[in-house]
C-alpha atoms as a PDB file:
ATOM      1  CA  MET A   1      98.120  87.701  90.737  1.00  0.00           C
ATOM      2  CA  TRP A   2     100.683  85.207  91.921  1.00  0.00           C
ATOM      3  CA  ARG A   3      97.862  83.090  93.465  1.00  0.00           C
ATOM      4  CA  HIS A   4      95.364  83.505  90.584  1.00  0.00           C
ATOM      5  CA  GLU A   5      97.616  82.752  87.551  1.00  0.00           C
ATOM      6  CA  SER A   6      99.363  79.607  86.524  1.00  0.00           C
ATOM      7  CA  HIS A   7     103.142  79.602  86.809  1.00  0.00           C
ATOM      8  CA  THR A   8     103.976  78.922  83.174  1.00  0.00           C
ATOM      9  CA  LEU A   9     106.929  80.356  81.347  1.00  0.00           C
ATOM     10  CA  ALA A  10     104.730  82.821  79.504  1.00  0.00           C
ATOM     11  CA  ASN A  11     103.220  84.192  82.754  1.00  0.00           C
ATOM     12  CA  MET A  12     106.546  84.284  84.529  1.00  0.00           C
ATOM     13  CA  LEU A  13     108.553  85.859  81.714  1.00  0.00           C
ATOM     14  CA  THR A  14     108.259  89.436  82.907  1.00  0.00           C
ATOM     15  CA  LEU A  15     109.340  88.403  86.425  1.00  0.00           C
ATOM     16  CA  TYR A  16     112.409  86.688  84.968  1.00  0.00           C
ATOM     17  CA  LEU A  17     113.216  89.591  82.757  1.00  0.00           C
ATOM     18  CA  GLY A  18     112.805  92.051  85.656  1.00  0.00           C
ATOM     19  CA  LEU A  19     115.122  89.974  87.836  1.00  0.00           C
ATOM     20  CA  GLY A  20     117.574  89.735  84.968  1.00  0.00           C
ATOM     21  CA  ILE A  21     117.618  93.517  84.552  1.00  0.00           C
ATOM     22  CA  LEU A  22     118.302  93.950  88.223  1.00  0.00           C
ATOM     23  CA  VAL A  23     121.040  91.278  88.466  1.00  0.00           C
ATOM     24  CA  LEU A  24     122.873  91.859  85.089  1.00  0.00           C
ATOM     25  CA  PRO A  25     124.660  95.124  86.081  1.00  0.00           C
ATOM     26  CA  PHE A  26     126.078  93.460  89.211  1.00  0.00           C
ATOM     27  CA  LEU A  27     127.045  90.362  87.286  1.00  0.00           C
ATOM     28  CA  GLY A  28     128.670  92.550  84.633  1.00  0.00           C
ATOM     29  CA  ASN A  29     130.776  94.306  87.168  1.00  0.00           C
ATOM     30  CA  LEU A  30     131.881  91.005  88.715  1.00  0.00           C
ATOM     31  CA  LEU A  31     132.756  89.442  85.421  1.00  0.00           C
ATOM     32  CA  SER A  32     134.277  92.498  83.685  1.00  0.00           C
ATOM     33  CA  SER A  33     137.861  91.549  84.546  1.00  0.00           C
ATOM     34  CA  HIS A  34     137.439  87.858  83.577  1.00  0.00           C
ATOM     35  CA  VAL A  35     135.777  88.178  80.147  1.00  0.00           C
ATOM     36  CA  PRO A  36     136.945  89.711  76.874  1.00  0.00           C
ATOM     37  CA  GLN A  37     136.390  93.448  76.420  1.00  0.00           C
ATOM     38  CA  PRO A  38     133.478  93.235  73.930  1.00  0.00           C
ATOM     39  CA  VAL A  39     131.511  91.006  76.340  1.00  0.00           C
ATOM     40  CA  SER A  40     132.312  93.251  79.241  1.00  0.00           C
ATOM     41  CA  TYR A  41     131.206  96.235  77.195  1.00  0.00           C
ATOM     42  CA  PHE A  42     127.902  94.456  76.287  1.00  0.00           C
ATOM     43  CA  LEU A  43     127.305  93.480  79.971  1.00  0.00           C
ATOM     44  CA  THR A  44     127.688  97.089  80.920  1.00  0.00           C
ATOM     45  CA  LEU A  45     125.765  98.645  78.076  1.00  0.00           C
ATOM     46  CA  PHE A  46     122.776  96.275  77.679  1.00  0.00           C
ATOM     47  CA  PRO A  47     121.148  96.838  81.113  1.00  0.00           C
ATOM     48  CA  ASN A  48     121.496 100.598  80.720  1.00  0.00           C
ATOM     49  CA  LEU A  49     119.774 100.491  77.315  1.00  0.00           C
ATOM     50  CA  VAL A  50     116.958  98.355  78.742  1.00  0.00           C
ATOM     51  CA  ILE A  51     116.471 100.730  81.691  1.00  0.00           C
ATOM     52  CA  PHE A  52     116.523 103.714  79.184  1.00  0.00           C
ATOM     53  CA  TYR A  53     113.882 101.921  77.035  1.00  0.00           C
ATOM     54  CA  LEU A  54     111.661 101.197  80.045  1.00  0.00           C
ATOM     55  CA  GLY A  55     112.008 104.798  81.227  1.00  0.00           C
ATOM     56  CA  PHE A  56     111.003 105.878  77.669  1.00  0.00           C
ATOM     57  CA  LEU A  57     107.936 103.619  77.785  1.00  0.00           C
ATOM     58  CA  PHE A  58     106.998 104.980  81.191  1.00  0.00           C
ATOM     59  CA  TYR A  59     107.370 108.535  79.867  1.00  0.00           C
ATOM     60  CA  ASN A  60     105.085 107.709  76.985  1.00  0.00           C
ATOM     61  CA  TYR A  61     102.612 106.170  79.288  1.00  0.00           C
ATOM     62  CA  LEU A  62     102.524 109.318  81.477  1.00  0.00           C
ATOM     63  CA  THR A  63     102.243 111.512  78.412  1.00  0.00           C
ATOM     64  CA  MET A  64      99.273 109.565  77.027  1.00  0.00           C
ATOM     65  CA  LEU A  65      97.697 109.486  80.516  1.00  0.00           C
ATOM     66  CA  THR A  66      97.911 113.307  80.718  1.00  0.00           C
ATOM     67  CA  ILE A  67      96.625 113.778  77.163  1.00  0.00           C
ATOM     68  CA  TYR A  68      93.677 111.398  77.652  1.00  0.00           C
ATOM     69  CA  GLN A  69      92.621 113.340  80.816  1.00  0.00           C
ATOM     70  CA  PHE A  70      91.485 116.143  78.372  1.00  0.00           C
ATOM     71  CA  ASN A  71      89.718 113.724  75.993  1.00  0.00           C
ATOM     72  CA  TRP A  72      86.450 112.860  77.660  1.00  0.00           C
ATOM     73  CA  PRO A  73      84.124 110.451  75.775  1.00  0.00           C
ATOM     74  CA  HIS A  74      80.654 111.612  74.854  1.00  0.00           C
ATOM     75  CA  LEU A  75      78.250 109.551  76.934  1.00  0.00           C
ATOM     76  CA  ARG A  76      75.281 109.630  74.599  1.00  0.00           C
ATOM     77  CA  GLN A  77      74.862 105.916  74.194  1.00  0.00           C
ATOM     78  CA  ASP A  78      71.754 103.970  75.131  1.00  0.00           C
ATOM     79  CA  TYR A  79      73.710 100.648  75.274  1.00  0.00           C
ATOM     80  CA  ILE A  80      77.310  99.760  75.855  1.00  0.00           C
ATOM     81  CA  ILE A  81      77.890  96.109  74.885  1.00  0.00           C
ATOM     82  CA  VAL A  82      81.049  94.555  76.226  1.00  0.00           C
ATOM     83  CA  LEU A  83      81.753  91.723  73.900  1.00  0.00           C
ATOM     84  CA  GLY A  84      83.127  88.507  75.460  1.00  0.00           C
ATOM     85  CA  ASP A  85      81.936  89.257  79.003  1.00  0.00           C
ATOM     86  CA  GLY A  86      79.314  86.453  78.935  1.00  0.00           C
ATOM     87  CA  TRP A  87      76.891  88.509  81.022  1.00  0.00           C
ATOM     88  CA  ALA A  88      73.971  89.279  78.754  1.00  0.00           C
ATOM     89  CA  GLU A  89      74.721  86.882  75.884  1.00  0.00           C
ATOM     90  CA  THR A  90      76.053  83.390  76.430  1.00  0.00           C
ATOM     91  CA  GLN A  91      75.095  81.586  73.206  1.00  0.00           C
ATOM     92  CA  SER A  92      77.645  83.169  70.884  1.00  0.00           C
ATOM     93  CA  LYS A  93      80.941  81.665  69.897  1.00  0.00           C
ATOM     94  CA  THR A  94      82.345  84.609  67.875  1.00  0.00           C
ATOM     95  CA  THR A  95      82.338  88.394  68.102  1.00  0.00           C
ATOM     96  CA  LEU A  96      79.992  88.560  65.073  1.00  0.00           C
ATOM     97  CA  GLN A  97      77.526  86.190  66.725  1.00  0.00           C
ATOM     98  CA  ASN A  98      77.716  88.187  69.927  1.00  0.00           C
ATOM     99  CA  MET A  99      76.884  91.379  68.035  1.00  0.00           C
ATOM    100  CA  GLN A 100      73.917  89.735  66.289  1.00  0.00           C
ATOM    101  CA  PHE A 101      72.445  88.305  69.473  1.00  0.00           C
ATOM    102  CA  SER A 102      73.019  91.581  71.271  1.00  0.00           C
ATOM    103  CA  LYS A 103      71.237  93.430  68.468  1.00  0.00           C
ATOM    104  CA  GLN A 104      68.198  91.131  68.984  1.00  0.00           C
ATOM    105  CA  LEU A 105      68.198  91.938  72.683  1.00  0.00           C
ATOM    106  CA  ILE A 106      68.469  95.675  72.020  1.00  0.00           C
ATOM    107  CA  ALA A 107      65.596  95.554  69.579  1.00  0.00           C
ATOM    108  CA  GLN A 108      63.372  94.299  72.426  1.00  0.00           C
ATOM    109  CA  GLY A 109      64.347  97.369  74.559  1.00  0.00           C
ATOM    110  CA  PRO A 110      62.446 100.655  74.875  1.00  0.00           C
ATOM    111  CA  ALA A 111      64.691 102.831  72.568  1.00  0.00           C
ATOM    112  CA  LYS A 112      63.348 103.442  69.032  1.00  0.00           C
ATOM    113  CA  ASN A 113      66.709 104.270  67.418  1.00  0.00           C
ATOM    114  CA  PRO A 114      69.227 103.051  70.028  1.00  0.00           C
ATOM    115  CA  ARG A 115      72.733 104.411  70.049  1.00  0.00           C
ATOM    116  CA  THR A 116      75.085 101.526  70.813  1.00  0.00           C
ATOM    117  CA  ILE A 117      78.805 101.088  71.175  1.00  0.00           C
ATOM    118  CA  PHE A 118      80.624  97.687  71.229  1.00  0.00           C
ATOM    119  CA  VAL A 119      83.751  97.204  73.302  1.00  0.00           C
ATOM    120  CA  THR A 120      85.875  94.146  72.679  1.00  0.00           C
ATOM    121  CA  ASN A 121      89.415  92.885  72.862  1.00  0.00           C
ATOM    122  CA  ASN A 122      91.454  90.328  70.969  1.00  0.00           C
ATOM    123  CA  TYR A 123      91.720  87.882  73.849  1.00  0.00           C
ATOM    124  CA  GLY A 124      90.707  84.508  72.339  1.00  0.00           C
ATOM    125  CA  ARG A 125      89.204  81.569  74.081  1.00  0.00           C
ATOM    126  CA  LEU A 126      91.329  78.483  74.196  1.00  0.00           C
END
C-alpha cells in the first residue's frame, strides 16, 4: 500500500496516530515529573483509553465476523451488478445511470424475469 497510495496527510493519518499511540506512554512517563499533575494524568490516561477503545473495536469486529459466518446469503440471483467497477458499463456518470444502462444490458440477456442485485459504495469520483 505504501507504494500504491500517495503520501498525503489523509492517507498517512492512521500511521501518525498509530505511532503517536505507541510513543505517548513513553513520553508521558518521561515528562511526568516535569509537567503539572493534570497534564501528567492526561498523558497517562489518554493512551490507555485509546488502547481500550481500539480493543473494543477489535472485539466488535470479531463478534460480527463470528455472527456473519452463520448468515449465508441466498445465491438465487441471475445477475450481480457491481456499480462503479467500470467493467460492463462505462458510459454512466452516476449510480442511477449505471443502473439504467445495466438494466438495458440485462434485458438483452436470456432470463425472462431476471433476479438482480446491485452492489455499490459511497466512494465518489474526483
